[in-house]
């Protein structure tokens, strides 16, 4: 099942307190970037983030879910209504996320 554009727009609105949020459509789903780094994405109308230490600390009871078959499990963010929490989550994750690879 592909994600709905309306759900992506809702999540982007919830993240609008952060600077430099972007996304890329990928096979019916959406990869979400924060300041150029991949933080997670929208998969089957679920907001999933990479399970870095900061995210696990802020979401200790969150379930780990597969974004798609063959992928590594990611952390399901259920409290998407809480803009302040989402801002804190992404800001705390940033330093643990890998920098984008340089293109040759």
N, C-alpha and C. Protein backbone atom coordinates (compact mmCIF):
# COMPACT_ATOMS: atom_id res chain seq x y z
N UNK A 1 0.84 -1.18 0.00
CA UNK A 1 0.00 0.00 0.00
C UNK A 1 0.89 1.24 0.00
N UNK A 2 0.67 2.11 -0.92
CA UNK A 2 1.43 3.36 -0.98
C UNK A 2 0.87 4.37 0.01
N UNK A 3 1.71 5.28 0.42
CA UNK A 3 1.29 6.34 1.35
C UNK A 3 0.51 7.42 0.60
N UNK A 4 -0.42 8.03 1.31
CA UNK A 4 -1.21 9.10 0.73
C UNK A 4 -0.45 10.42 0.82
N UNK A 5 -0.56 11.22 -0.20
CA UNK A 5 0.07 12.54 -0.23
C UNK A 5 -0.46 13.41 0.91
N UNK A 6 -1.72 13.24 1.28
CA UNK A 6 -2.32 14.01 2.37
C UNK A 6 -1.61 13.71 3.70
N UNK A 7 -1.23 12.45 3.92
CA UNK A 7 -0.53 12.11 5.17
C UNK A 7 0.86 12.74 5.17
N UNK A 8 1.54 12.69 4.04
CA UNK A 8 2.84 13.36 3.93
C UNK A 8 2.69 14.84 4.25
N UNK A 9 1.71 15.50 3.67
CA UNK A 9 1.51 16.93 3.91
C UNK A 9 1.22 17.21 5.38
N UNK A 10 0.48 16.32 6.02
CA UNK A 10 0.19 16.48 7.45
C UNK A 10 1.49 16.40 8.27
N UNK A 11 2.31 15.40 7.99
CA UNK A 11 3.58 15.25 8.72
C UNK A 11 4.48 16.45 8.46
N UNK A 12 4.57 16.90 7.22
CA UNK A 12 5.40 18.07 6.91
C UNK A 12 4.90 19.30 7.67
N UNK A 13 3.60 19.45 7.79
CA UNK A 13 3.04 20.57 8.57
C UNK A 13 3.44 20.43 10.04
N UNK A 14 3.38 19.22 10.57
CA UNK A 14 3.76 18.99 11.96
C UNK A 14 5.25 19.28 12.19
N UNK A 15 6.06 19.14 11.16
CA UNK A 15 7.50 19.38 11.26
C UNK A 15 7.89 20.80 10.84
N UNK A 16 6.92 21.64 10.58
CA UNK A 16 7.20 22.97 10.01
C UNK A 16 7.92 23.92 10.98
N UNK A 17 8.02 23.57 12.25
CA UNK A 17 8.79 24.40 13.19
C UNK A 17 10.30 24.21 13.00
N UNK A 18 10.68 23.20 12.24
CA UNK A 18 12.10 22.92 11.97
C UNK A 18 12.50 23.54 10.63
N UNK A 19 13.73 24.01 10.57
CA UNK A 19 14.26 24.52 9.31
C UNK A 19 14.79 23.36 8.48
N UNK A 20 14.71 23.49 7.17
CA UNK A 20 15.34 22.57 6.24
C UNK A 20 14.81 21.14 6.31
N UNK A 21 13.49 21.00 6.29
CA UNK A 21 12.85 19.69 6.14
C UNK A 21 12.53 19.53 4.66
N UNK A 22 12.89 18.38 4.12
CA UNK A 22 12.58 18.11 2.72
C UNK A 22 12.20 16.64 2.59
N UNK A 23 11.75 16.27 1.41
CA UNK A 23 11.36 14.87 1.18
C UNK A 23 11.63 14.50 -0.26
N UNK A 24 11.64 13.19 -0.50
CA UNK A 24 11.79 12.66 -1.85
C UNK A 24 10.82 11.49 -1.99
N UNK A 25 10.04 11.51 -3.05
CA UNK A 25 9.14 10.39 -3.33
C UNK A 25 9.97 9.21 -3.80
N UNK A 26 9.62 8.02 -3.29
CA UNK A 26 10.37 6.83 -3.64
C UNK A 26 9.42 5.64 -3.67
N UNK A 27 9.04 5.20 -4.85
CA UNK A 27 8.19 4.01 -5.04
C UNK A 27 6.91 4.06 -4.21
N UNK A 28 6.21 5.17 -4.23
CA UNK A 28 4.94 5.30 -3.53
C UNK A 28 5.06 5.68 -2.07
N UNK A 29 6.28 5.82 -1.60
CA UNK A 29 6.53 6.22 -0.21
C UNK A 29 7.34 7.51 -0.24
N UNK A 30 7.70 8.03 0.93
CA UNK A 30 8.41 9.31 1.00
C UNK A 30 9.56 9.24 2.01
N UNK A 31 10.75 9.59 1.57
CA UNK A 31 11.90 9.67 2.46
C UNK A 31 11.95 11.10 2.98
N UNK A 32 12.13 11.25 4.30
CA UNK A 32 12.15 12.57 4.94
C UNK A 32 13.58 12.92 5.32
N UNK A 33 13.98 14.14 4.98
CA UNK A 33 15.32 14.65 5.28
C UNK A 33 15.23 15.81 6.26
N UNK A 34 16.17 15.86 7.18
CA UNK A 34 16.31 17.01 8.08
C UNK A 34 17.73 17.52 7.93
N UNK A 35 17.85 18.76 7.44
CA UNK A 35 19.14 19.40 7.21
C UNK A 35 20.05 18.51 6.37
N UNK A 36 19.46 17.88 5.35
CA UNK A 36 20.22 17.09 4.38
C UNK A 36 20.46 15.64 4.78
N UNK A 37 20.05 15.25 5.98
CA UNK A 37 20.28 13.88 6.44
C UNK A 37 18.95 13.13 6.50
N UNK A 38 18.97 11.87 6.10
CA UNK A 38 17.76 11.05 6.14
C UNK A 38 17.44 10.72 7.59
N UNK A 39 16.24 11.10 8.02
CA UNK A 39 15.81 10.78 9.38
C UNK A 39 14.82 9.62 9.40
N UNK A 40 14.19 9.37 8.28
CA UNK A 40 13.20 8.30 8.20
C UNK A 40 12.31 8.53 7.01
N UNK A 41 11.03 8.23 7.18
CA UNK A 41 10.13 8.42 6.07
C UNK A 41 8.69 8.08 6.40
N UNK A 42 7.86 8.22 5.38
CA UNK A 42 6.45 7.87 5.45
C UNK A 42 6.31 6.57 4.67
N UNK A 43 5.88 5.52 5.36
CA UNK A 43 5.72 4.20 4.75
C UNK A 43 4.34 3.67 5.15
N UNK A 44 3.50 3.39 4.17
CA UNK A 44 2.15 2.91 4.43
C UNK A 44 1.42 3.81 5.43
N UNK A 45 1.54 5.10 5.23
CA UNK A 45 0.91 6.11 6.10
C UNK A 45 1.33 5.95 7.56
N UNK A 46 2.60 5.61 7.78
CA UNK A 46 3.20 5.57 9.11
C UNK A 46 4.46 6.40 9.06
N UNK A 47 4.72 7.18 10.11
CA UNK A 47 5.94 7.97 10.21
C UNK A 47 6.97 7.14 10.96
N UNK A 48 7.99 6.68 10.25
CA UNK A 48 9.04 5.85 10.82
C UNK A 48 10.36 6.61 10.79
N UNK A 49 11.15 6.48 11.86
CA UNK A 49 12.45 7.13 11.93
C UNK A 49 13.53 6.08 12.20
N UNK A 50 14.76 6.45 11.88
CA UNK A 50 15.88 5.56 12.13
C UNK A 50 16.03 5.32 13.64
N UNK A 51 16.34 4.10 14.03
CA UNK A 51 16.42 3.79 15.46
C UNK A 51 17.78 4.14 16.07
N UNK A 52 18.14 5.41 16.00
CA UNK A 52 19.38 5.86 16.63
C UNK A 52 19.14 6.00 18.14
N UNK A 53 20.21 6.10 18.90
CA UNK A 53 20.12 6.12 20.36
C UNK A 53 19.17 7.20 20.87
N UNK A 54 19.27 8.40 20.34
CA UNK A 54 18.41 9.51 20.79
C UNK A 54 16.93 9.19 20.57
N UNK A 55 16.60 8.61 19.43
CA UNK A 55 15.21 8.27 19.15
C UNK A 55 14.72 7.17 20.08
N UNK A 56 15.56 6.19 20.34
CA UNK A 56 15.18 5.11 21.25
C UNK A 56 14.98 5.63 22.67
N UNK A 57 15.79 6.61 23.06
CA UNK A 57 15.66 7.21 24.39
C UNK A 57 14.36 8.00 24.52
N UNK A 58 14.02 8.77 23.49
CA UNK A 58 12.81 9.59 23.54
C UNK A 58 11.52 8.79 23.30
N UNK A 59 11.66 7.63 22.68
CA UNK A 59 10.49 6.78 22.36
C UNK A 59 10.73 5.37 22.89
N UNK A 60 10.89 5.20 24.20
CA UNK A 60 11.27 3.89 24.73
C UNK A 60 10.24 2.79 24.51
N UNK A 61 8.98 3.14 24.36
CA UNK A 61 7.93 2.14 24.20
C UNK A 61 7.46 1.98 22.76
N UNK A 62 8.12 2.68 21.84
CA UNK A 62 7.70 2.62 20.44
C UNK A 62 8.03 1.25 19.84
N UNK A 63 7.20 0.83 18.91
CA UNK A 63 7.45 -0.45 18.26
C UNK A 63 8.41 -0.29 17.09
N UNK A 64 9.13 -1.36 16.82
CA UNK A 64 10.03 -1.41 15.68
C UNK A 64 9.26 -2.08 14.54
N UNK A 65 9.21 -1.41 13.39
CA UNK A 65 8.43 -1.93 12.27
C UNK A 65 9.22 -1.88 10.98
N UNK A 66 8.87 -2.78 10.07
CA UNK A 66 9.50 -2.81 8.76
C UNK A 66 8.84 -1.77 7.85
N UNK A 67 9.65 -0.90 7.24
CA UNK A 67 9.05 0.05 6.30
C UNK A 67 8.56 -0.65 5.03
N UNK A 68 9.29 -1.69 4.61
CA UNK A 68 8.93 -2.49 3.43
C UNK A 68 9.72 -3.80 3.53
N UNK A 69 9.32 -4.79 2.77
CA UNK A 69 9.98 -6.09 2.80
C UNK A 69 11.46 -5.96 2.47
N UNK A 70 12.29 -6.58 3.29
CA UNK A 70 13.73 -6.59 3.05
C UNK A 70 14.47 -5.43 3.68
N UNK A 71 13.77 -4.51 4.30
CA UNK A 71 14.41 -3.35 4.91
C UNK A 71 14.74 -3.62 6.37
N UNK A 72 15.56 -2.76 6.94
CA UNK A 72 15.84 -2.81 8.38
C UNK A 72 14.66 -2.19 9.12
N UNK A 73 14.41 -2.68 10.32
CA UNK A 73 13.31 -2.15 11.11
C UNK A 73 13.59 -0.70 11.51
N UNK A 74 12.51 0.06 11.60
CA UNK A 74 12.58 1.46 12.01
C UNK A 74 11.60 1.68 13.15
N UNK A 75 11.76 2.81 13.81
CA UNK A 75 10.96 3.16 14.98
C UNK A 75 9.67 3.86 14.54
N UNK A 76 8.53 3.36 14.99
CA UNK A 76 7.25 3.97 14.66
C UNK A 76 7.00 5.15 15.60
N UNK A 77 6.78 6.32 15.02
CA UNK A 77 6.45 7.52 15.80
C UNK A 77 4.94 7.63 15.83
N UNK A 78 4.37 7.43 17.01
CA UNK A 78 2.91 7.46 17.13
C UNK A 78 2.40 8.83 17.55
N UNK A 79 3.20 9.62 18.26
CA UNK A 79 2.77 10.91 18.77
C UNK A 79 2.99 12.02 17.74
N UNK A 80 2.41 11.83 16.55
CA UNK A 80 2.63 12.80 15.47
C UNK A 80 1.83 14.08 15.66
N UNK A 81 0.91 14.11 16.61
CA UNK A 81 0.14 15.33 16.87
C UNK A 81 0.94 16.35 17.68
N UNK A 82 1.97 15.89 18.36
CA UNK A 82 2.75 16.72 19.27
C UNK A 82 3.94 17.35 18.54
N UNK A 83 3.74 18.56 18.04
CA UNK A 83 4.77 19.24 17.24
C UNK A 83 6.05 19.49 18.05
N UNK A 84 5.89 19.86 19.32
CA UNK A 84 7.06 20.13 20.17
C UNK A 84 7.90 18.86 20.35
N UNK A 85 7.23 17.73 20.55
CA UNK A 85 7.93 16.45 20.67
C UNK A 85 8.66 16.10 19.38
N UNK A 86 7.99 16.28 18.24
CA UNK A 86 8.61 15.95 16.95
C UNK A 86 9.86 16.80 16.71
N UNK A 87 9.78 18.07 17.06
CA UNK A 87 10.93 18.96 16.90
C UNK A 87 12.09 18.48 17.77
N UNK A 88 11.80 18.17 19.02
CA UNK A 88 12.84 17.67 19.94
C UNK A 88 13.43 16.36 19.43
N UNK A 89 12.58 15.47 18.92
CA UNK A 89 13.03 14.18 18.41
C UNK A 89 14.02 14.35 17.26
N UNK A 90 13.65 15.12 16.25
CA UNK A 90 14.52 15.28 15.09
C UNK A 90 15.81 16.01 15.44
N UNK A 91 15.71 17.05 16.26
CA UNK A 91 16.92 17.79 16.65
C UNK A 91 17.88 16.89 17.43
N UNK A 92 17.35 16.04 18.29
CA UNK A 92 18.22 15.16 19.08
C UNK A 92 18.82 14.05 18.23
N UNK A 93 18.16 13.65 17.18
CA UNK A 93 18.66 12.59 16.30
C UNK A 93 19.76 13.07 15.36
N UNK A 94 19.75 14.35 15.01
CA UNK A 94 20.56 14.87 13.92
C UNK A 94 22.04 14.46 14.00
N UNK A 95 22.68 14.64 15.13
CA UNK A 95 24.12 14.36 15.23
C UNK A 95 24.46 12.89 15.08
N UNK A 96 23.50 12.01 15.29
CA UNK A 96 23.74 10.57 15.16
C UNK A 96 23.50 10.05 13.75
N UNK A 97 22.94 10.87 12.90
CA UNK A 97 22.63 10.44 11.53
C UNK A 97 23.85 10.64 10.63
N UNK A 98 24.06 9.69 9.71
CA UNK A 98 25.21 9.85 8.81
C UNK A 98 25.03 11.02 7.85
N UNK A 99 26.13 11.67 7.56
CA UNK A 99 26.12 12.77 6.59
C UNK A 99 25.87 12.18 5.20
N UNK A 100 25.28 12.95 4.31
CA UNK A 100 25.05 12.44 2.95
C UNK A 100 26.37 12.10 2.28
N UNK A 101 26.34 11.05 1.47
CA UNK A 101 27.55 10.66 0.75
C UNK A 101 27.78 11.62 -0.40
N UNK A 102 29.05 11.93 -0.61
CA UNK A 102 29.42 12.83 -1.71
C UNK A 102 29.27 12.07 -3.04
N UNK A 103 28.70 12.74 -4.00
CA UNK A 103 28.56 12.15 -5.34
C UNK A 103 29.85 12.32 -6.10
N UNK A 104 30.17 11.31 -6.88
CA UNK A 104 31.42 11.36 -7.66
C UNK A 104 31.24 12.12 -8.94
